[in-house]
Protein backbone atom coordinates (compact mmCIF):
# COMPACT_ATOMS: atom_id res chain seq x y z
CA MET A 1 14.60 11.85 20.22
CA ALA A 2 17.89 10.17 18.62
CA ALA A 3 16.76 10.00 15.11
CA ALA A 4 19.22 9.85 11.98
CA PHE A 5 20.64 12.24 9.87
CA ILE A 6 19.52 15.01 12.44
CA LEU A 7 21.75 15.12 15.70
CA HIS A 8 21.92 18.49 17.09
CA ALA A 9 24.71 20.07 18.88
CA ALA A 10 23.61 22.42 21.72
CA CYS A 11 25.92 25.51 22.12
CA SER A 12 27.70 27.08 24.90
CA VAL A 13 29.30 30.28 24.84
CA LEU A 14 27.47 32.90 22.40
CA ILE A 15 27.98 35.55 20.01
CA LYS A 16 25.55 36.68 17.32
CA CYS A 17 25.92 35.27 13.50
CA ASN A 18 23.21 35.83 10.85
CA ASN A 19 20.39 36.13 13.41
CA TYR A 20 21.14 32.94 14.94
CA THR A 21 23.13 32.36 18.18
CA VAL A 22 26.17 30.09 18.14
CA GLN A 23 29.33 29.35 19.77
CA LYS A 24 32.32 31.86 20.03
CA ALA A 25 35.00 32.01 17.37
CA ALA A 26 37.65 30.59 19.51
CA ASP A 27 36.09 27.01 19.08
CA ILE A 28 34.43 27.27 15.83
CA ARG A 29 33.68 23.60 15.45
CA GLY A 30 29.83 24.45 16.47
CA LEU A 31 29.67 27.20 14.07
CA PHE A 32 27.54 27.90 10.92
CA PHE A 33 28.99 30.49 8.56
CA ASN A 34 27.64 33.21 6.33
CA THR A 35 29.89 34.48 3.66
CA GLU A 36 30.54 37.72 5.89
CA ASP A 37 31.43 35.29 8.92
CA TYR A 38 33.67 33.41 6.67
CA VAL A 39 35.83 36.58 5.81
CA LYS A 40 35.64 37.42 9.80
CA TYR A 41 36.99 34.23 10.90
CA ASN A 42 39.02 33.12 7.87
CA ASP A 43 42.45 33.11 9.77
CA THR A 44 41.15 30.90 12.43
CA LEU A 45 39.45 28.77 9.66
CA SER A 46 42.26 28.31 7.33
CA GLY A 47 44.06 27.11 10.08
CA LYS A 48 42.00 24.52 11.12
CA TYR A 49 39.62 23.47 7.89
CA THR A 50 40.32 23.09 4.26
CA ARG A 51 36.18 22.62 3.43
CA VAL A 52 33.81 25.16 5.01
CA PRO A 53 29.94 25.17 4.48
CA VAL A 54 28.28 28.33 4.48
CA TYR A 55 24.54 28.80 4.46
CA ARG A 56 21.94 31.50 3.66
CA GLU A 57 18.65 31.30 4.68
CA LEU A 58 15.78 31.07 2.07
CA ARG A 59 12.75 32.89 2.66
CA ILE A 60 10.28 30.10 1.84
CA ASN A 61 8.86 29.42 5.32
CA SER A 62 5.35 28.74 4.03
CA PHE A 63 6.17 26.25 1.25
CA ASP A 64 6.04 22.72 1.28
CA PHE A 65 9.24 21.23 1.44
CA MET A 66 7.95 17.83 -0.35
CA SER A 67 7.04 20.12 -3.17
CA LEU A 68 10.57 21.43 -3.48
CA VAL A 69 11.59 17.73 -3.29
CA LYS A 70 9.71 16.88 -6.25
CA ALA A 71 10.89 19.75 -8.25
CA MET A 72 14.80 18.62 -7.74
CA ASP A 73 13.42 15.15 -8.43
CA ARG A 74 12.18 16.43 -12.11
CA ARG A 75 15.51 18.71 -12.37
CA GLY A 76 18.24 15.85 -12.25
CA TYR A 77 19.66 13.80 -9.55
CA CYS A 78 19.07 14.47 -5.94
CA ILE A 79 18.76 12.98 -2.68
CA PHE A 80 16.32 13.62 0.32
CA LEU A 81 17.29 12.49 3.86
CA GLU A 82 14.82 13.04 6.67
CA SER A 83 13.66 11.28 9.97
CA ALA A 84 10.56 10.73 12.54
CA GLY A 85 10.35 9.11 15.47
CA LYS A 86 7.63 6.44 16.65
CA THR A 87 4.67 9.12 15.66
CA LYS A 88 4.82 11.08 12.44
CA GLU A 89 6.58 13.99 13.93
CA LYS A 90 9.35 14.79 12.18
CA GLY A 91 13.01 14.86 13.35
CA ARG A 92 14.58 18.17 13.60
CA PHE A 93 16.46 18.74 10.23
CA SER A 94 15.67 17.29 6.83
CA PHE A 95 18.39 17.40 3.84
CA LEU A 96 17.67 18.09 0.04
CA CYS A 97 21.16 17.33 -1.81
CA PHE A 98 21.43 18.12 -5.22
CA ASN A 99 24.10 19.07 -8.06
CA PRO A 100 26.37 16.24 -7.40
CA ALA A 101 30.12 17.33 -8.10
CA GLU A 102 30.61 13.58 -9.00
CA THR A 103 28.96 10.21 -8.93
CA ILE A 104 30.32 6.72 -7.86
CA ALA A 105 28.84 3.57 -8.80
CA GLU A 106 29.98 0.16 -8.02
CA LYS A 107 28.86 -1.84 -11.45
CA ASN A 108 29.49 -5.49 -12.19
CA GLY A 109 32.15 -5.68 -9.72
CA ARG A 110 34.10 -2.32 -11.03
CA VAL A 111 34.11 1.03 -9.44
CA VAL A 112 33.13 3.97 -11.71
CA ILE A 113 33.77 7.54 -11.17
CA THR A 114 31.69 10.38 -13.22
CA GLU A 115 32.59 14.01 -12.92
CA ASN A 116 31.68 16.37 -15.74
CA GLY A 117 30.13 13.68 -17.92
CA GLU A 118 33.46 11.95 -18.30
CA SER A 119 33.56 8.49 -16.75
CA VAL A 120 36.90 6.61 -15.21
CA LEU A 121 37.45 3.51 -13.86
CA TYR A 122 38.64 3.49 -10.30
CA GLU A 123 41.19 0.31 -9.69
CA GLY A 124 40.56 0.29 -5.89
CA THR A 125 37.25 -0.33 -4.06
CA LEU A 126 34.81 1.96 -3.64
CA PHE A 127 34.95 2.19 0.14
CA ASP A 128 38.69 2.89 -0.21
CA TYR A 129 37.94 5.85 -2.96
CA ILE A 130 35.56 7.35 -0.51
CA ASP A 131 37.97 7.33 2.34
CA LYS A 132 40.86 8.86 0.29
CA LYS A 133 38.57 11.91 -0.82
CA ILE A 134 37.39 12.19 2.59
CA SER A 135 41.00 12.15 4.18
CA GLY A 136 41.86 15.02 1.82
CA PHE A 137 39.91 17.74 3.56
CA THR A 138 39.03 18.72 7.21
CA SER A 139 35.57 20.13 7.73
CA PRO A 140 33.59 21.67 10.94
CA VAL A 141 30.94 19.65 12.62
CA THR A 142 27.91 22.44 11.93
CA GLY A 143 26.33 21.96 15.14
CA GLU A 144 23.69 24.32 14.07
CA PHE A 145 22.27 22.22 11.61
CA GLY A 146 22.93 18.90 12.56
CA ASP A 147 25.88 16.44 11.44
CA PHE A 148 25.36 16.79 8.09
CA ASN A 149 27.49 19.04 6.13
CA GLY A 150 27.94 18.00 2.94
CA GLY A 151 29.83 14.61 1.82
CA TYR A 152 29.14 11.40 0.19
CA ALA A 153 25.49 10.12 0.15
CA GLY A 154 23.91 7.34 -1.14
CA TYR A 155 23.69 3.46 -0.69
CA ALA A 156 25.84 0.37 -0.62
CA GLY A 157 24.26 -3.40 -0.76
CA SER A 158 22.49 -5.71 -3.37
CA ILE A 159 19.02 -4.15 -3.27
CA SER A 160 18.65 -3.33 -7.16
CA SER A 161 18.91 -7.01 -8.48
CA GLY A 162 16.30 -7.64 -11.07
CA CYS A 163 15.69 -4.13 -11.45
CA ASN A 164 18.45 -3.11 -13.58
CA MET A 165 19.06 -4.83 -16.56
CA GLU A 166 22.02 -3.64 -18.01
CA ASP A 167 24.44 -3.33 -15.05
CA ASP A 168 24.25 -5.33 -12.18
CA VAL A 169 24.76 -2.04 -9.58
CA THR A 170 25.56 -2.79 -5.98
CA ALA A 171 26.42 0.62 -4.70
CA GLU A 172 25.81 4.46 -5.84
CA PHE A 173 26.94 7.61 -3.98
CA MET A 174 26.95 11.33 -4.66
CA LEU A 175 29.52 13.67 -3.89
CA VAL A 176 27.50 16.66 -2.33
CA ASP A 177 28.61 20.34 -1.71
CA GLU A 178 25.15 21.88 -2.16
CA PHE A 179 22.03 21.31 -0.52
CA VAL A 180 19.04 22.67 1.38
CA VAL A 181 18.50 22.24 5.10
CA PHE A 182 14.98 22.34 6.70
CA ASP A 183 14.39 23.04 10.21
CA ASN A 184 11.08 21.18 10.87
CA HIS A 185 10.98 22.62 14.48
CA THR A 186 11.24 26.50 13.43
CA GLY A 187 9.98 26.08 9.57
CA ARG A 188 13.17 27.77 8.25
CA TYR A 189 15.34 26.50 5.17
CA HIS A 190 18.70 27.12 4.71
CA LEU A 191 20.78 26.97 1.48
CA CYS A 192 24.38 25.59 1.73
CA THR A 193 27.32 25.55 -0.59
CA VAL A 194 31.10 25.12 0.44
CA VAL A 195 34.16 27.37 0.32
CA TYR A 196 38.02 26.34 0.37
CA PRO A 197 40.08 28.43 2.40
CA ASP A 198 43.09 27.91 0.52
CA ALA A 199 41.61 28.75 -2.86
CA GLY A 200 43.05 32.64 -2.11
CA ASP A 201 41.97 35.68 -1.07
CA ALA A 202 39.20 35.41 1.53
CA ARG A 203 36.86 38.01 0.44
CA VAL A 204 37.31 36.99 -3.48
CA VAL A 205 36.54 33.34 -2.14
CA ALA A 206 33.43 34.91 -0.13
CA ALA A 207 32.37 37.00 -3.41
CA VAL A 208 32.42 34.02 -5.62
CA SER A 209 30.49 31.76 -3.15
CA GLU A 210 27.77 34.65 -2.24
CA ALA A 211 27.52 34.61 -6.25
CA ARG A 212 27.02 30.95 -6.12
CA LEU A 213 24.22 31.30 -3.56
CA ASP A 214 22.55 33.69 -5.48
CA SER A 215 22.30 31.76 -8.53
CA LEU A 216 21.22 28.47 -6.59
CA GLU A 217 18.25 30.77 -4.68
CA HIS A 218 17.11 32.15 -7.85
CA GLU A 219 16.92 28.66 -9.46
CA ILE A 220 14.93 27.29 -6.57
CA MET A 221 12.73 30.32 -6.60
CA GLU A 222 12.08 29.59 -10.26
CA LEU A 223 11.45 25.68 -9.46
CA ILE A 224 9.16 26.75 -6.51
CA ALA A 225 7.18 28.95 -8.93
CA GLU A 226 6.51 26.28 -11.51
CA GLU A 227 6.03 23.50 -9.40
CA ARG A 228 2.20 22.19 -8.28
CA ILE A 229 1.14 20.73 -4.98
CA HIS A 230 1.48 16.88 -5.34
CA PHE A 231 -1.72 14.90 -4.32
CA LEU A 232 -2.34 11.09 -3.77
CA PRO A 233 -5.13 9.14 -4.69
CA SER A 234 -7.30 8.47 -1.48
CA LYS A 235 -7.49 4.99 -2.12
CA SER A 236 -4.75 2.27 -2.91
CA GLU A 237 -5.01 0.85 -6.63
CA GLN A 238 -4.45 -2.79 -7.10
CA VAL A 239 -1.04 -3.81 -7.86
CA ALA A 240 0.29 -7.49 -8.74
CA VAL A 241 3.15 -7.86 -6.61
CA ASP A 242 4.88 -11.44 -7.62
CA PRO A 243 7.64 -13.03 -5.97
CA ALA A 244 10.65 -13.59 -8.44
CA VAL A 245 10.56 -17.26 -7.64
CA SER A 246 7.58 -19.80 -6.71
CA MET A 247 6.67 -20.17 -3.06
CA GLU A 248 7.73 -24.15 -3.49
CA SER A 249 11.12 -23.25 -4.57
CA PHE A 250 11.10 -20.90 -2.04
CA LEU A 251 10.33 -23.05 0.88
CA ASP A 252 12.47 -25.95 -0.62
CA SER A 253 15.81 -23.62 -0.54
CA THR A 254 14.82 -22.60 2.78
CA GLU A 255 14.57 -25.87 4.26
CA ARG A 256 18.01 -26.81 2.59
CA LEU A 257 19.40 -23.59 4.03
CA ARG A 258 18.00 -24.67 7.78
CA GLU A 259 19.81 -28.32 7.10
CA ASN A 260 22.87 -26.90 6.18
CA LEU A 261 23.09 -24.74 9.07
CA SER A 262 22.39 -27.60 11.36
CA ASP A 263 24.86 -29.46 9.62
CA SER A 264 27.33 -26.86 9.64
CA GLY A 265 27.12 -25.32 13.14
CA MET A 266 26.67 -22.06 11.60
CA PRO A 267 23.99 -20.03 14.48
CA LEU A 268 22.05 -18.06 11.88
CA ALA A 269 21.71 -17.04 8.13
CA SER A 270 19.38 -14.29 6.49
CA VAL A 271 17.46 -14.70 3.43
CA SER A 272 15.72 -12.23 1.31
CA LEU A 273 13.26 -12.35 -1.98
CA ASP A 274 12.42 -9.99 -4.34
CA PHE A 275 9.14 -9.22 -5.15
CA ARG A 276 8.39 -7.69 -8.58
CA ALA A 277 5.69 -5.06 -9.85
CA ARG A 278 5.37 -4.48 -13.88
CA GLY A 279 4.21 -1.24 -15.09
CA GLU A 280 4.56 2.44 -14.38
CA PHE A 281 5.13 3.66 -11.01
CA SER A 282 6.16 7.33 -9.61
CA ALA A 283 8.78 6.79 -7.27
CA PHE A 284 8.16 10.10 -5.58
CA SER A 285 4.50 9.19 -5.41
CA PHE A 286 5.46 6.10 -3.29
CA TYR A 287 8.05 7.87 -1.18
CA MET A 288 4.87 10.20 -0.45
CA LYS A 289 2.69 7.84 0.70
CA LEU A 290 5.59 5.33 2.54
CA ARG A 291 6.70 8.37 4.65
CA GLY A 292 2.93 9.09 5.74
CA VAL A 293 2.16 5.35 6.77
CA SER A 294 5.76 4.29 8.17
CA PRO A 295 7.37 6.96 9.52
CA SER A 296 10.89 6.10 10.54
CA PRO A 297 14.03 7.14 11.80
CA TYR A 298 15.60 6.88 8.56
CA MET A 299 13.56 8.01 5.65
CA TYR A 300 15.20 8.52 2.28
CA TYR A 301 14.74 9.21 -1.42
CA MET A 302 17.06 8.75 -3.73
CA HIS A 303 17.50 9.66 -7.67
CA LEU A 304 20.63 8.40 -8.67
CA PRO A 305 22.20 7.88 -12.31
CA HIS A 306 21.50 3.73 -12.25
CA SER A 307 18.39 3.97 -9.60
CA ARG A 308 15.32 5.72 -8.01
CA ILE A 309 15.30 4.33 -4.41
CA ALA A 310 12.79 5.08 -1.78
CA GLY A 311 12.71 3.79 1.82
CA SER A 312 11.88 3.92 5.38
CA SER A 313 13.88 2.25 7.80
CA PRO A 314 14.29 2.10 11.96
CA GLU A 315 17.25 0.23 11.91
CA THR A 316 20.73 1.94 12.51
CA HIS A 317 23.44 0.26 11.02
CA LEU A 318 26.40 2.11 11.32
CA LYS A 319 26.71 5.77 12.91
CA ILE A 320 30.14 7.64 13.66
CA ARG A 321 30.62 10.84 15.39
CA SER A 322 33.64 12.25 17.26
CA GLY A 323 35.37 9.22 16.54
CA THR A 324 32.63 6.88 18.41
CA MET A 325 31.19 4.20 16.10
CA THR A 326 27.61 2.90 16.97
CA MET A 327 25.64 -0.39 15.83
CA LYS A 328 22.17 -1.08 16.89
CA PRO A 329 21.38 -4.62 15.89
CA ALA A 330 17.33 -5.27 16.12
CA SER A 331 15.56 -8.42 15.91
CA GLY A 332 12.41 -9.88 17.12
CA TYR A 333 9.54 -7.95 15.38
CA THR A 334 6.41 -8.99 17.39
CA ALA A 335 2.78 -7.64 17.01
CA VAL A 336 1.86 -5.41 19.84
CA PRO A 337 -1.78 -5.14 21.05
CA GLN A 338 -3.57 -2.39 21.93
CA SER A 339 -3.67 -2.93 25.86
CA ARG A 340 -1.40 -1.76 28.20
CA HIS A 341 -1.55 -5.20 29.76
CA GLY A 342 -1.22 -7.01 26.67
CA ARG A 343 2.03 -5.05 25.51
CA ALA A 344 3.49 -6.10 28.95
CA ALA A 345 2.47 -9.91 28.23
CA VAL A 346 3.85 -9.70 24.63
CA ARG A 347 7.31 -7.75 26.23
CA ARG A 348 7.61 -10.17 28.96
CA GLU A 349 7.12 -13.39 26.16
CA LEU A 350 9.57 -11.81 23.72
CA LEU A 351 12.40 -11.71 26.28
CA ARG A 352 11.69 -15.14 27.73
CA SER A 353 11.84 -16.45 24.23
CA VAL A 354 14.98 -18.72 23.73
CA GLN A 355 14.85 -18.68 20.38
CA ASP A 356 14.67 -14.80 20.10
CA ARG A 357 16.91 -14.53 22.41
CA GLY A 358 19.50 -16.55 20.81
CA VAL A 359 18.90 -14.92 17.35
CA HIS A 360 19.26 -11.79 18.79
CA SER A 361 22.64 -12.97 20.65
CA VAL A 362 24.13 -13.91 17.36
CA LEU A 363 23.50 -10.82 16.06
CA VAL A 364 24.86 -8.95 18.84
CA ASP A 365 28.19 -10.98 18.47
CA TYR A 366 28.23 -10.11 14.45
CA ALA A 367 28.16 -6.64 15.21
CA ARG A 368 30.90 -6.81 18.06
CA ASP A 369 32.92 -8.53 15.82
CA SER A 370 32.48 -5.94 13.12
CA LEU A 371 33.41 -3.29 15.10
CA ALA A 372 35.94 -5.01 16.76
CA ALA A 373 37.85 -5.09 13.28
CA SER A 374 37.97 -1.31 13.04
CA ALA A 375 38.14 -0.18 16.77
CA VAL A 376 40.88 0.63 19.09
CA GLU A 377 41.62 -2.57 21.21
CA GLY A 378 39.35 -2.97 24.09
CA THR A 379 36.93 -0.20 23.17
CA VAL A 380 33.78 -2.37 22.31
CA THR A 381 31.27 -2.02 24.57
CA VAL A 382 27.37 -3.31 24.78
CA LYS A 383 25.14 -1.02 26.54
CA ASN A 384 21.28 -1.66 26.64
CA PHE A 385 21.58 -5.26 25.79
CA MET A 386 18.19 -6.91 24.44
CA ASP A 387 16.16 -3.65 25.11
CA THR A 388 12.70 -3.65 23.93
CA VAL A 389 11.28 -1.01 21.39
CA GLU A 390 8.19 -0.43 20.51
CA TYR A 391 7.92 0.96 16.76
CA GLN A 392 4.64 0.91 14.88
CA ASN A 393 2.98 -1.45 16.94
CA ARG A 394 5.80 -4.08 16.69
CA LEU A 395 7.70 -4.80 19.53
CA ARG A 396 11.63 -5.66 18.83
CA MET A 397 14.80 -6.32 20.51
CA VAL A 398 17.72 -3.76 20.30
CA THR A 399 21.08 -3.67 21.64
CA LYS A 400 23.76 -0.62 21.26
CA ILE A 401 27.23 -1.42 20.80
CA ASN A 402 29.91 1.39 20.96
CA ALA A 403 33.54 1.05 19.96
CA ILE A 404 36.52 4.08 19.24
CA LEU A 405 37.40 4.14 16.05
CA ARG A 406 41.00 2.98 15.04
CA PRO A 407 43.19 6.09 14.42
CA GLY A 408 44.21 5.96 10.53
CA MET A 409 41.08 3.77 9.73
CA GLY A 410 38.40 5.40 7.33
CA MET A 411 34.82 5.67 8.27
CA ALA A 412 33.89 3.70 4.64
CA ALA A 413 36.34 0.95 5.53
CA ALA A 414 34.92 0.62 8.73
CA LEU A 415 31.36 0.25 7.07
CA GLY A 416 33.16 -2.42 4.28
CA GLY A 417 33.89 -4.57 7.58
CA THR A 418 30.09 -4.80 8.22
CA VAL A 419 28.75 -4.75 4.77
CA ASN A 420 30.15 -7.58 2.49
CA PRO A 421 28.96 -8.55 -1.14
CA VAL A 422 25.85 -11.12 -1.04
CA ASN A 423 27.10 -14.69 -1.45
CA ARG A 424 24.92 -17.13 -3.34
CA ALA A 425 24.33 -20.39 -1.53
CA SER A 426 24.14 -23.83 -2.92
CA GLY A 427 20.17 -23.75 -1.78
CA PHE A 428 19.63 -20.78 -4.27
CA THR A 429 21.92 -21.16 -6.90
CA GLY A 430 19.18 -21.97 -9.31
CA SER A 431 17.54 -18.06 -9.21
CA GLU A 432 19.82 -14.95 -8.84
CA ASP A 433 16.65 -13.59 -6.95
CA ALA A 434 16.66 -15.74 -3.97
CA ARG A 435 19.49 -14.85 -1.92
CA THR A 436 20.89 -16.14 1.42
CA THR A 437 23.76 -14.59 3.25
CA THR A 438 25.24 -14.99 6.84
CA CYS A 439 23.63 -12.44 8.91
CA ALA A 440 26.62 -10.01 8.99
CA SER A 441 26.87 -10.46 5.18
CA GLY A 442 24.78 -8.87 2.19
CA VAL A 443 23.35 -6.29 4.45
CA SER A 444 22.47 -3.53 2.43
CA VAL A 445 22.45 0.33 4.03
CA ALA A 446 22.17 3.83 2.99
CA GLY A 447 22.94 7.25 4.40
CA TYR A 448 26.05 9.20 4.34
CA PHE A 449 29.68 10.07 4.69
CA GLY A 450 30.62 13.47 5.80
CA PHE A 451 33.78 15.43 5.38
CA ASN A 452 33.58 16.35 9.27
CA ARG A 453 34.16 12.71 9.76
CA CYS A 454 30.47 12.20 10.78
CA CYS A 455 28.81 9.03 9.19
CA ASP A 456 25.17 7.66 9.55
CA LEU A 457 23.89 4.78 7.93
CA CYS A 458 20.65 2.45 7.98
CA VAL A 459 19.96 -0.68 7.12
CA MET A 460 17.79 -0.72 4.02
CA THR A 461 14.26 -2.27 4.86
CA GLY A 462 10.89 -1.35 3.57
CA CYS A 463 12.46 -0.06 0.16
CA ALA A 464 11.45 -0.10 -3.29
CA VAL A 465 13.98 0.19 -6.16
CA PHE A 466 12.20 1.80 -9.49
CA ASN A 467 13.06 1.88 -13.24
CA GLN A 468 11.33 1.87 -16.59
CA SER A 469 10.05 -1.72 -16.59
CA GLY A 470 8.61 -1.48 -12.79
CA ALA A 471 9.63 -1.90 -9.17
CA VAL A 472 11.52 -4.40 -7.11
CA ILE A 473 11.06 -4.57 -3.25
CA GLN A 474 12.77 -7.13 -1.04
CA GLY A 475 11.75 -9.13 2.02
CA HIS A 476 14.14 -10.41 4.68
CA ALA A 477 14.17 -12.69 7.43
CA HIS A 478 16.47 -14.79 9.55
CA VAL A 479 16.91 -18.23 9.63
CA HIS A 480 18.45 -20.85 11.81
CA ALA A 481 18.46 -24.74 12.57
CA GLU A 482 15.08 -24.44 14.46
CA SER A 483 13.38 -22.43 11.83
CA ILE A 484 10.46 -23.50 10.42
CA SER A 485 10.28 -22.50 6.23
CA GLU A 486 6.54 -21.44 6.34
CA ASP A 487 7.09 -18.99 9.21
CA VAL A 488 10.47 -17.70 7.14
CA LEU A 489 8.31 -17.22 4.16
CA ALA A 490 5.46 -15.14 6.31
CA ALA A 491 8.32 -13.12 7.86
CA VAL A 492 9.66 -12.44 4.30
CA THR A 493 6.19 -11.54 3.13
CA THR A 494 5.20 -9.58 6.14
CA SER A 495 8.65 -7.36 5.79
CA ALA A 496 7.62 -6.25 2.32
CA SER A 497 3.87 -5.77 2.95
CA THR A 498 4.36 -1.98 3.67
CA ALA A 499 6.07 -1.05 0.42
CA ALA A 500 3.90 -3.46 -1.63
CA ILE A 501 0.85 -1.38 -0.50
CA CYS A 502 2.54 1.74 -1.42
CA LEU A 503 2.88 0.86 -4.58
CA GLY A 504 -0.93 1.07 -5.01
CA PHE A 505 -0.67 4.88 -4.66
CA ALA A 506 2.39 5.10 -6.69
CA LEU A 507 0.40 4.67 -10.45
CA PRO A 508 0.15 7.52 -12.63
CA GLY A 509 -3.07 9.50 -12.26
């Protein structure tokens, strides 16, 4: 299963290390280290890497990971990344990130860096800053625990409109050096911190990191002892979820957009609509329910300085590993009947639909152009064009597009070529909550950039943003010249329906 945040590298030549079997020291890219291993292989490490994660197994095998997430959520800023397939079976690894070394927020078009309680403005873009920091370090791909070994985790995009009243926050990332990784196959927990080989004598550095792991483990054990098991109500409460604009206004705006597309010759646009729920909600309870009813390749819970965000998404936006970029545009979410014959008929109908094929072709073209801007010339390749994938009783078209990242191009800059600020179209100028963009622009993404030159980000669908006044969820749909406005409204409402239902389980008990 190719799931988000969890790629697992197989090992070849074997040695023994902390009760795990890993690759030989001559090729340490796939190794994970405890502090003893760090000292043992320091000469090799210091020659290749400036940042090395070290791990320790936590003896809490029978503990529910979500209870630890809840405890960390009460404690302060944290990000939880996990994954699942078409069923509720979890992916190989889940990651709980905490103790951010710094936070980054893009507020009102300005980038604010906060470290040790002090905030400063950064003159460049958020993506420039992330690439600059990442380029200053080299770090191994810890194959024993998937691709994530620390880095910048968070989101970028206009998903918090209408929720943050003081600032228009369009991106937030945390610099993560400490996290817990849970192996869903073996039930084992490992705690990670980071050492820097150029910080001094290897034994001194290892002793400091060992003391840090001791302190973190003690704190986690105390959190576990104080935490209660989290229960959700058996039935959903009624929650009023209202669109930010009237249905009539949305239909009129969509119709004007459709006419503009027809006149301009632009093939496709995407439209989103905010739905608001007033009151007190538990973002954690929302996520608990969402991960149960909508297990997805990308699932995330983020407690950030300006937002609490929870979501579940099936769609890869950008993944980079070993210099290879991947995008997977998806479209055509069609309900699938239970019978095998019915599923086959729906699949044939989707593939024969001129309209659906046209929409997907435009999405593929945009993705190819986006990758080409950051790729080595001639390396953009399309694979599995218009492959049909069944996901949670819905069928969709998915195409995989690969390219080689151009030398010197940063991962965040590559993402910046695929995610642009939301542009308000003339048909929506009367509302700050109904937005339209060309289909390559305005995409909101969540995920991470790693110091090991790996990144994995998803399209933020099915998510909710929480603050003290309530919650905001978004519905999305594509619009083209032949669209019917009522069908667009129905698609927007449907895309927000799962999150809206989960809000009913997130009211205080």
